[in-house]
Amino acid sequence: MEIKQIKAKDTQDIRHRVLRPEQPEENAIYPNDDMDGTFHLGAFEKDVLLGVASFYPEKSAIINNPAQYRIRGVATERRMRLKGLGTALLAEGEAEIWKHGADIIWCNARIVAVGFYEKHGYRKVGKSFVIPGIGEHYLMKKVNPNKKVDQDN
């Protein structure tokens, strides 16, 4: 498996089929996909794209820290679940984010993904909430292990 940077448009097919199959394809295009500092990663096996993840220099309205990145659109082909693609995408994205000096990475995790993020050092912030048309989520965050950051913000 190889993890490499890809263009925003290359994430959209997997995002749509895996994360939002009941919605129009254009809903797999996210705000800030082309914002400065945003990057997208793909997991490839023999040049076939099997998983994607996107990382945005975006602040949560709830987390009180200026140096944040957001994870969005982590998705792998269904047949590739539980084979380490999500873990590899997350690890590569985190390494890049920490190099840029961010203090916190956060995401809105679907209920089914909470365990995945917890396994990788993320923790829930607050109560669950519903994103209309998608479902129940938790805000989750991970603090840069190389920095001293207030864990409660």
N, C-alpha and C. Protein backbone atom coordinates (compact mmCIF):
# COMPACT_ATOMS: atom_id res chain seq x y z
N MET A 1 0.84 -1.18 0.00
CA MET A 1 0.00 0.00 0.00
C MET A 1 0.88 1.24 0.00
N GLU A 2 0.46 2.25 -0.73
CA GLU A 2 1.18 3.52 -0.79
C GLU A 2 0.22 4.65 -0.45
N ILE A 3 0.66 5.56 0.40
CA ILE A 3 -0.12 6.75 0.74
C ILE A 3 0.54 7.93 0.04
N LYS A 4 -0.25 8.70 -0.71
CA LYS A 4 0.30 9.89 -1.37
C LYS A 4 -0.76 10.97 -1.49
N GLN A 5 -0.27 12.20 -1.69
CA GLN A 5 -1.19 13.33 -1.84
C GLN A 5 -1.93 13.21 -3.17
N ILE A 6 -3.19 13.61 -3.13
CA ILE A 6 -4.04 13.60 -4.31
C ILE A 6 -4.78 14.93 -4.38
N LYS A 7 -5.47 15.15 -5.49
CA LYS A 7 -6.27 16.37 -5.65
C LYS A 7 -7.64 16.17 -5.02
N ALA A 8 -8.27 17.28 -4.66
CA ALA A 8 -9.60 17.23 -4.04
C ALA A 8 -10.58 16.44 -4.90
N LYS A 9 -10.55 16.67 -6.19
CA LYS A 9 -11.51 15.99 -7.08
C LYS A 9 -11.34 14.47 -7.06
N ASP A 10 -10.13 14.01 -6.73
CA ASP A 10 -9.87 12.57 -6.69
C ASP A 10 -10.50 11.90 -5.47
N THR A 11 -10.92 12.67 -4.47
CA THR A 11 -11.55 12.11 -3.28
C THR A 11 -13.05 11.89 -3.47
N GLN A 12 -13.63 12.57 -4.41
CA GLN A 12 -15.09 12.70 -4.47
C GLN A 12 -15.83 11.41 -4.78
N ASP A 13 -15.30 10.56 -5.63
CA ASP A 13 -16.00 9.32 -5.97
C ASP A 13 -16.13 8.42 -4.73
N ILE A 14 -15.03 8.20 -4.03
CA ILE A 14 -15.08 7.34 -2.84
C ILE A 14 -15.91 8.01 -1.75
N ARG A 15 -15.73 9.31 -1.56
CA ARG A 15 -16.55 10.02 -0.56
C ARG A 15 -18.04 9.79 -0.84
N HIS A 16 -18.42 9.97 -2.08
CA HIS A 16 -19.83 9.85 -2.43
C HIS A 16 -20.33 8.42 -2.20
N ARG A 17 -19.64 7.45 -2.73
CA ARG A 17 -20.11 6.06 -2.65
C ARG A 17 -20.10 5.51 -1.23
N VAL A 18 -19.12 5.92 -0.41
CA VAL A 18 -18.98 5.36 0.93
C VAL A 18 -19.69 6.18 2.00
N LEU A 19 -19.56 7.51 1.93
CA LEU A 19 -20.08 8.36 3.00
C LEU A 19 -21.46 8.95 2.73
N ARG A 20 -21.78 9.19 1.46
CA ARG A 20 -23.05 9.87 1.16
C ARG A 20 -23.75 9.27 -0.06
N PRO A 21 -23.93 7.96 -0.08
CA PRO A 21 -24.50 7.33 -1.28
C PRO A 21 -25.94 7.74 -1.58
N GLU A 22 -26.68 8.17 -0.57
CA GLU A 22 -28.08 8.54 -0.77
C GLU A 22 -28.24 10.01 -1.14
N GLN A 23 -27.13 10.73 -1.24
CA GLN A 23 -27.17 12.16 -1.53
C GLN A 23 -26.64 12.41 -2.94
N PRO A 24 -26.91 13.59 -3.48
CA PRO A 24 -26.37 13.92 -4.81
C PRO A 24 -24.84 13.92 -4.78
N GLU A 25 -24.22 13.58 -5.90
CA GLU A 25 -22.76 13.51 -5.99
C GLU A 25 -22.07 14.81 -5.59
N GLU A 26 -22.70 15.94 -5.88
CA GLU A 26 -22.07 17.22 -5.54
C GLU A 26 -21.92 17.42 -4.03
N ASN A 27 -22.65 16.65 -3.23
CA ASN A 27 -22.49 16.74 -1.77
C ASN A 27 -21.18 16.13 -1.29
N ALA A 28 -20.45 15.48 -2.19
CA ALA A 28 -19.13 14.94 -1.84
C ALA A 28 -18.03 15.97 -2.10
N ILE A 29 -18.42 17.16 -2.53
CA ILE A 29 -17.49 18.28 -2.65
C ILE A 29 -17.68 19.11 -1.39
N TYR A 30 -16.62 19.24 -0.61
CA TYR A 30 -16.73 19.91 0.68
C TYR A 30 -16.22 21.34 0.60
N PRO A 31 -16.83 22.23 1.41
CA PRO A 31 -16.27 23.58 1.51
C PRO A 31 -14.82 23.47 1.96
N ASN A 32 -14.01 24.32 1.47
CA ASN A 32 -12.58 24.38 1.83
C ASN A 32 -11.72 23.29 1.21
N ASP A 33 -12.27 22.47 0.30
CA ASP A 33 -11.47 21.44 -0.36
C ASP A 33 -10.24 22.02 -1.06
N ASP A 34 -10.37 23.25 -1.54
CA ASP A 34 -9.26 23.87 -2.27
C ASP A 34 -8.62 25.03 -1.52
N MET A 35 -8.90 25.16 -0.24
CA MET A 35 -8.35 26.23 0.58
C MET A 35 -6.84 26.03 0.77
N ASP A 36 -6.12 27.15 0.87
CA ASP A 36 -4.68 27.07 1.15
C ASP A 36 -4.45 26.30 2.43
N GLY A 37 -3.50 25.38 2.41
CA GLY A 37 -3.16 24.59 3.57
C GLY A 37 -3.89 23.26 3.64
N THR A 38 -4.98 23.12 2.87
CA THR A 38 -5.71 21.86 2.84
C THR A 38 -4.91 20.86 2.01
N PHE A 39 -4.94 19.60 2.46
CA PHE A 39 -4.34 18.54 1.64
C PHE A 39 -5.19 17.28 1.74
N HIS A 40 -5.06 16.47 0.72
CA HIS A 40 -5.85 15.25 0.59
C HIS A 40 -4.90 14.09 0.36
N LEU A 41 -5.18 12.98 1.00
CA LEU A 41 -4.35 11.80 0.86
C LEU A 41 -5.16 10.65 0.28
N GLY A 42 -4.48 9.84 -0.49
CA GLY A 42 -5.08 8.64 -1.04
C GLY A 42 -4.26 7.42 -0.67
N ALA A 43 -4.94 6.31 -0.43
CA ALA A 43 -4.29 5.03 -0.17
C ALA A 43 -4.42 4.21 -1.46
N PHE A 44 -3.29 3.81 -2.00
CA PHE A 44 -3.25 3.10 -3.27
C PHE A 44 -2.67 1.70 -3.09
N GLU A 45 -3.21 0.78 -3.85
CA GLU A 45 -2.62 -0.54 -3.98
C GLU A 45 -2.55 -0.81 -5.47
N LYS A 46 -1.32 -0.99 -5.98
CA LYS A 46 -1.10 -1.20 -7.43
C LYS A 46 -1.78 -0.11 -8.24
N ASP A 47 -1.59 1.14 -7.84
CA ASP A 47 -2.12 2.32 -8.52
C ASP A 47 -3.65 2.42 -8.52
N VAL A 48 -4.33 1.64 -7.69
CA VAL A 48 -5.78 1.73 -7.56
C VAL A 48 -6.08 2.46 -6.26
N LEU A 49 -6.85 3.56 -6.36
CA LEU A 49 -7.23 4.34 -5.20
C LEU A 49 -8.28 3.59 -4.40
N LEU A 50 -7.95 3.29 -3.12
CA LEU A 50 -8.84 2.48 -2.28
C LEU A 50 -9.32 3.20 -1.03
N GLY A 51 -8.71 4.35 -0.71
CA GLY A 51 -9.12 5.10 0.46
C GLY A 51 -8.69 6.54 0.35
N VAL A 52 -9.41 7.43 1.03
CA VAL A 52 -9.12 8.87 0.98
C VAL A 52 -9.30 9.49 2.35
N ALA A 53 -8.63 10.61 2.55
CA ALA A 53 -8.82 11.43 3.75
C ALA A 53 -8.41 12.85 3.41
N SER A 54 -9.09 13.82 4.01
CA SER A 54 -8.81 15.23 3.76
C SER A 54 -8.53 15.94 5.07
N PHE A 55 -7.63 16.94 5.00
CA PHE A 55 -7.15 17.65 6.18
C PHE A 55 -7.17 19.14 5.91
N TYR A 56 -7.84 19.90 6.78
CA TYR A 56 -8.09 21.32 6.56
C TYR A 56 -7.55 22.16 7.72
N PRO A 57 -6.92 23.30 7.43
CA PRO A 57 -6.52 24.21 8.51
C PRO A 57 -7.75 25.01 8.96
N GLU A 58 -8.62 24.34 9.67
CA GLU A 58 -9.93 24.90 10.03
C GLU A 58 -10.11 24.80 11.54
N LYS A 59 -10.70 25.84 12.11
CA LYS A 59 -10.91 25.89 13.56
C LYS A 59 -12.33 25.45 13.92
N SER A 60 -12.41 24.68 14.99
CA SER A 60 -13.70 24.32 15.57
C SER A 60 -14.20 25.51 16.38
N ALA A 61 -15.49 25.75 16.33
CA ALA A 61 -16.08 26.83 17.13
C ALA A 61 -16.07 26.49 18.62
N ILE A 62 -15.86 25.22 18.95
CA ILE A 62 -15.93 24.78 20.33
C ILE A 62 -14.55 24.66 20.98
N ILE A 63 -13.55 24.33 20.21
CA ILE A 63 -12.20 24.14 20.74
C ILE A 63 -11.47 25.48 20.75
N ASN A 64 -10.96 25.84 21.90
CA ASN A 64 -10.33 27.15 22.08
C ASN A 64 -8.82 27.04 21.89
N ASN A 65 -8.39 26.99 20.65
CA ASN A 65 -6.98 26.92 20.33
C ASN A 65 -6.80 27.42 18.91
N PRO A 66 -5.85 28.33 18.64
CA PRO A 66 -5.72 28.88 17.30
C PRO A 66 -5.08 27.93 16.28
N ALA A 67 -4.27 26.97 16.72
CA ALA A 67 -3.51 26.13 15.79
C ALA A 67 -4.18 24.77 15.63
N GLN A 68 -5.22 24.72 14.77
CA GLN A 68 -6.02 23.51 14.61
C GLN A 68 -6.05 23.05 13.16
N TYR A 69 -6.27 21.76 13.00
CA TYR A 69 -6.55 21.16 11.69
C TYR A 69 -7.77 20.28 11.86
N ARG A 70 -8.54 20.15 10.78
CA ARG A 70 -9.73 19.31 10.79
C ARG A 70 -9.56 18.14 9.83
N ILE A 71 -10.04 16.99 10.24
CA ILE A 71 -10.09 15.81 9.37
C ILE A 71 -11.51 15.70 8.84
N ARG A 72 -11.61 15.38 7.55
CA ARG A 72 -12.94 15.15 6.95
C ARG A 72 -12.84 14.10 5.87
N GLY A 73 -13.92 13.44 5.63
CA GLY A 73 -14.01 12.56 4.46
C GLY A 73 -13.09 11.36 4.48
N VAL A 74 -12.83 10.79 5.66
CA VAL A 74 -12.03 9.57 5.71
C VAL A 74 -12.94 8.43 5.25
N ALA A 75 -12.55 7.77 4.16
CA ALA A 75 -13.39 6.72 3.59
C ALA A 75 -12.52 5.71 2.86
N THR A 76 -12.86 4.44 3.03
CA THR A 76 -12.18 3.38 2.29
C THR A 76 -13.22 2.52 1.58
N GLU A 77 -12.80 1.94 0.49
CA GLU A 77 -13.68 1.02 -0.22
C GLU A 77 -14.15 -0.05 0.77
N ARG A 78 -15.41 -0.41 0.70
CA ARG A 78 -15.98 -1.34 1.67
C ARG A 78 -15.20 -2.65 1.76
N ARG A 79 -14.73 -3.17 0.66
CA ARG A 79 -14.00 -4.43 0.67
C ARG A 79 -12.64 -4.32 1.35
N MET A 80 -12.19 -3.07 1.60
CA MET A 80 -10.88 -2.85 2.19
C MET A 80 -10.95 -2.45 3.66
N ARG A 81 -12.14 -2.47 4.24
CA ARG A 81 -12.29 -2.10 5.65
C ARG A 81 -11.53 -3.07 6.53
N LEU A 82 -11.02 -2.55 7.64
CA LEU A 82 -10.29 -3.31 8.64
C LEU A 82 -8.98 -3.89 8.10
N LYS A 83 -8.42 -3.25 7.08
CA LYS A 83 -7.14 -3.70 6.53
C LYS A 83 -6.04 -2.67 6.73
N GLY A 84 -6.30 -1.65 7.55
CA GLY A 84 -5.26 -0.68 7.89
C GLY A 84 -5.18 0.55 7.03
N LEU A 85 -6.04 0.68 6.03
CA LEU A 85 -5.97 1.86 5.17
C LEU A 85 -6.31 3.14 5.93
N GLY A 86 -7.39 3.12 6.71
CA GLY A 86 -7.77 4.30 7.48
C GLY A 86 -6.68 4.70 8.47
N THR A 87 -6.09 3.71 9.11
CA THR A 87 -5.00 3.97 10.06
C THR A 87 -3.80 4.59 9.35
N ALA A 88 -3.46 4.06 8.19
CA ALA A 88 -2.32 4.59 7.43
C ALA A 88 -2.59 6.02 6.95
N LEU A 89 -3.79 6.29 6.47
CA LEU A 89 -4.15 7.64 6.03
C LEU A 89 -4.10 8.61 7.20
N LEU A 90 -4.64 8.21 8.33
CA LEU A 90 -4.66 9.07 9.52
C LEU A 90 -3.24 9.34 10.00
N ALA A 91 -2.40 8.33 10.08
CA ALA A 91 -1.02 8.50 10.55
C ALA A 91 -0.23 9.44 9.64
N GLU A 92 -0.38 9.28 8.36
CA GLU A 92 0.33 10.15 7.41
C GLU A 92 -0.16 11.59 7.52
N GLY A 93 -1.49 11.76 7.62
CA GLY A 93 -2.04 13.10 7.76
C GLY A 93 -1.62 13.77 9.06
N GLU A 94 -1.65 13.03 10.15
CA GLU A 94 -1.22 13.58 11.44
C GLU A 94 0.25 14.01 11.39
N ALA A 95 1.10 13.17 10.83
CA ALA A 95 2.53 13.50 10.75
C ALA A 95 2.74 14.82 10.01
N GLU A 96 2.01 15.00 8.93
CA GLU A 96 2.12 16.23 8.14
C GLU A 96 1.62 17.43 8.94
N ILE A 97 0.50 17.26 9.62
CA ILE A 97 -0.09 18.34 10.41
C ILE A 97 0.83 18.74 11.56
N TRP A 98 1.37 17.76 12.26
CA TRP A 98 2.26 18.08 13.38
C TRP A 98 3.51 18.80 12.88
N LYS A 99 4.00 18.46 11.68
CA LYS A 99 5.16 19.16 11.10
C LYS A 99 4.85 20.64 10.89
N HIS A 100 3.61 20.96 10.60
CA HIS A 100 3.20 22.35 10.37
C HIS A 100 2.95 23.09 11.68
N GLY A 101 3.12 22.43 12.81
CA GLY A 101 3.03 23.10 14.10
C GLY A 101 1.65 23.18 14.71
N ALA A 102 0.69 22.44 14.20
CA ALA A 102 -0.65 22.47 14.79
C ALA A 102 -0.62 21.89 16.19
N ASP A 103 -1.51 22.38 17.03
CA ASP A 103 -1.64 21.88 18.40
C ASP A 103 -2.70 20.80 18.52
N ILE A 104 -3.75 20.92 17.70
CA ILE A 104 -4.92 20.04 17.82
C ILE A 104 -5.43 19.64 16.45
N ILE A 105 -5.83 18.38 16.36
CA ILE A 105 -6.56 17.89 15.18
C ILE A 105 -7.94 17.50 15.69
N TRP A 106 -8.97 17.86 14.93
CA TRP A 106 -10.33 17.53 15.34
C TRP A 106 -11.13 17.02 14.17
N CYS A 107 -12.26 16.40 14.50
CA CYS A 107 -13.17 15.92 13.47
C CYS A 107 -14.56 15.78 14.06
N ASN A 108 -15.54 15.73 13.19
CA ASN A 108 -16.90 15.33 13.56
C ASN A 108 -17.02 13.87 13.16
N ALA A 109 -16.93 12.98 14.14
CA ALA A 109 -16.90 11.54 13.88
C ALA A 109 -18.31 10.95 13.94
N ARG A 110 -18.64 10.20 12.90
CA ARG A 110 -19.88 9.44 12.94
C ARG A 110 -19.81 8.46 14.10
N ILE A 111 -20.95 8.11 14.65
CA ILE A 111 -21.00 7.17 15.78
C ILE A 111 -20.22 5.89 15.45
N VAL A 112 -20.37 5.38 14.24
CA VAL A 112 -19.70 4.13 13.87
C VAL A 112 -18.18 4.28 13.80
N ALA A 113 -17.68 5.52 13.74
CA ALA A 113 -16.23 5.75 13.63
C ALA A 113 -15.59 6.16 14.95
N VAL A 114 -16.38 6.37 15.99
CA VAL A 114 -15.83 6.83 17.27
C VAL A 114 -14.75 5.89 17.80
N GLY A 115 -15.00 4.61 17.76
CA GLY A 115 -14.02 3.64 18.24
C GLY A 115 -12.71 3.70 17.47
N PHE A 116 -12.78 3.90 16.16
CA PHE A 116 -11.59 4.05 15.32
C PHE A 116 -10.75 5.22 15.81
N TYR A 117 -11.39 6.36 16.01
CA TYR A 117 -10.65 7.55 16.44
C TYR A 117 -10.12 7.39 17.87
N GLU A 118 -10.92 6.80 18.74
CA GLU A 118 -10.45 6.58 20.11
C GLU A 118 -9.20 5.69 20.12
N LYS A 119 -9.19 4.68 19.29
CA LYS A 119 -8.04 3.78 19.18
C LYS A 119 -6.77 4.53 18.77
N HIS A 120 -6.95 5.67 18.09
CA HIS A 120 -5.82 6.46 17.61
C HIS A 120 -5.56 7.71 18.46
N GLY A 121 -6.11 7.73 19.67
CA GLY A 121 -5.78 8.80 20.62
C GLY A 121 -6.70 10.00 20.62
N TYR A 122 -7.81 9.94 19.91
CA TYR A 122 -8.77 11.04 19.91
C TYR A 122 -9.73 10.84 21.07
N ARG A 123 -10.28 11.96 21.55
CA ARG A 123 -11.27 11.85 22.62
C ARG A 123 -12.47 12.71 22.29
N LYS A 124 -13.62 12.29 22.80
CA LYS A 124 -14.86 13.02 22.57
C LYS A 124 -14.83 14.35 23.29
N VAL A 125 -15.46 15.34 22.67
CA VAL A 125 -15.63 16.66 23.27
C VAL A 125 -17.13 16.92 23.30
N GLY A 126 -17.70 16.98 24.49
CA GLY A 126 -19.13 17.28 24.61
C GLY A 126 -20.02 16.10 24.29
N LYS A 127 -21.27 16.43 24.01
CA LYS A 127 -22.30 15.42 23.75
C LYS A 127 -22.44 15.17 22.26
N SER A 128 -23.10 14.08 21.93
CA SER A 128 -23.33 13.77 20.51
C SER A 128 -24.30 14.78 19.92
N PHE A 129 -24.26 14.90 18.60
CA PHE A 129 -25.14 15.81 17.87
C PHE A 129 -25.46 15.18 16.53
N VAL A 130 -26.52 15.66 15.92
CA VAL A 130 -26.96 15.11 14.63
C VAL A 130 -26.67 16.11 13.52
N ILE A 131 -26.04 15.62 12.48
CA ILE A 131 -25.88 16.40 11.25
C ILE A 131 -27.00 15.93 10.33
N PRO A 132 -27.93 16.84 9.99
CA PRO A 132 -29.09 16.44 9.19
C PRO A 132 -28.68 15.75 7.89
N GLY A 133 -29.36 14.65 7.60
CA GLY A 133 -29.10 13.91 6.38
C GLY A 133 -27.90 12.98 6.47
N ILE A 134 -27.16 13.04 7.57
CA ILE A 134 -25.97 12.18 7.71
C ILE A 134 -26.07 11.32 8.96
N GLY A 135 -26.42 11.92 10.10
CA GLY A 135 -26.60 11.13 11.30
C GLY A 135 -25.89 11.69 12.53
N GLU A 136 -25.85 10.84 13.57
CA GLU A 136 -25.30 11.24 14.86
C GLU A 136 -23.77 11.23 14.82
N HIS A 137 -23.19 12.25 15.45
CA HIS A 137 -21.73 12.44 15.47
C HIS A 137 -21.26 12.87 16.86
N TYR A 138 -19.96 12.78 17.07
CA TYR A 138 -19.28 13.40 18.20
C TYR A 138 -18.16 14.27 17.65
N LEU A 139 -17.96 15.42 18.26
CA LEU A 139 -16.75 16.19 18.03
C LEU A 139 -15.65 15.44 18.76
N MET A 140 -14.54 15.19 18.08
CA MET A 140 -13.41 14.50 18.69
C MET A 140 -12.14 15.28 18.40
N LYS A 141 -11.17 15.18 19.32
CA LYS A 141 -9.92 15.90 19.11
C LYS A 141 -8.74 15.08 19.60
N LYS A 142 -7.59 15.43 19.05
CA LYS A 142 -6.32 14.84 19.46
C LYS A 142 -5.33 15.98 19.63
N VAL A 143 -4.61 15.96 20.73
CA VAL A 143 -3.62 16.99 21.02
C VAL A 143 -2.26 16.53 20.53
N ASN A 144 -1.51 17.45 19.95
CA ASN A 144 -0.16 17.16 19.47
C ASN A 144 0.67 16.61 20.64
N PRO A 145 1.16 15.38 20.51
CA PRO A 145 1.90 14.78 21.63
C PRO A 145 3.24 15.45 21.89
N ASN A 146 3.70 16.28 20.97
CA ASN A 146 5.00 16.96 21.12
C ASN A 146 4.89 18.34 21.72
N LYS A 147 3.66 18.76 22.06
CA LYS A 147 3.46 20.11 22.62
C LYS A 147 2.66 20.00 23.89
N LYS A 148 2.84 21.00 24.73
CA LYS A 148 2.02 21.09 25.94
C LYS A 148 0.84 22.01 25.62
N VAL A 149 -0.32 21.42 25.55
CA VAL A 149 -1.53 22.16 25.21
C VAL A 149 -2.57 21.86 26.28
N ASP A 150 -3.36 22.87 26.63
CA ASP A 150 -4.43 22.67 27.60
C ASP A 150 -5.39 21.61 27.08
N GLN A 151 -5.49 20.51 27.78
CA GLN A 151 -6.33 19.38 27.34
C GLN A 151 -7.83 19.70 27.40
N ASP A 152 -8.22 20.69 28.14
CA ASP A 152 -9.65 20.97 28.29
C ASP A 152 -10.21 21.93 27.26
N ASN A 153 -9.37 22.49 26.42
CA ASN A 153 -9.85 23.42 25.40
C ASN A 153 -9.87 22.78 24.04
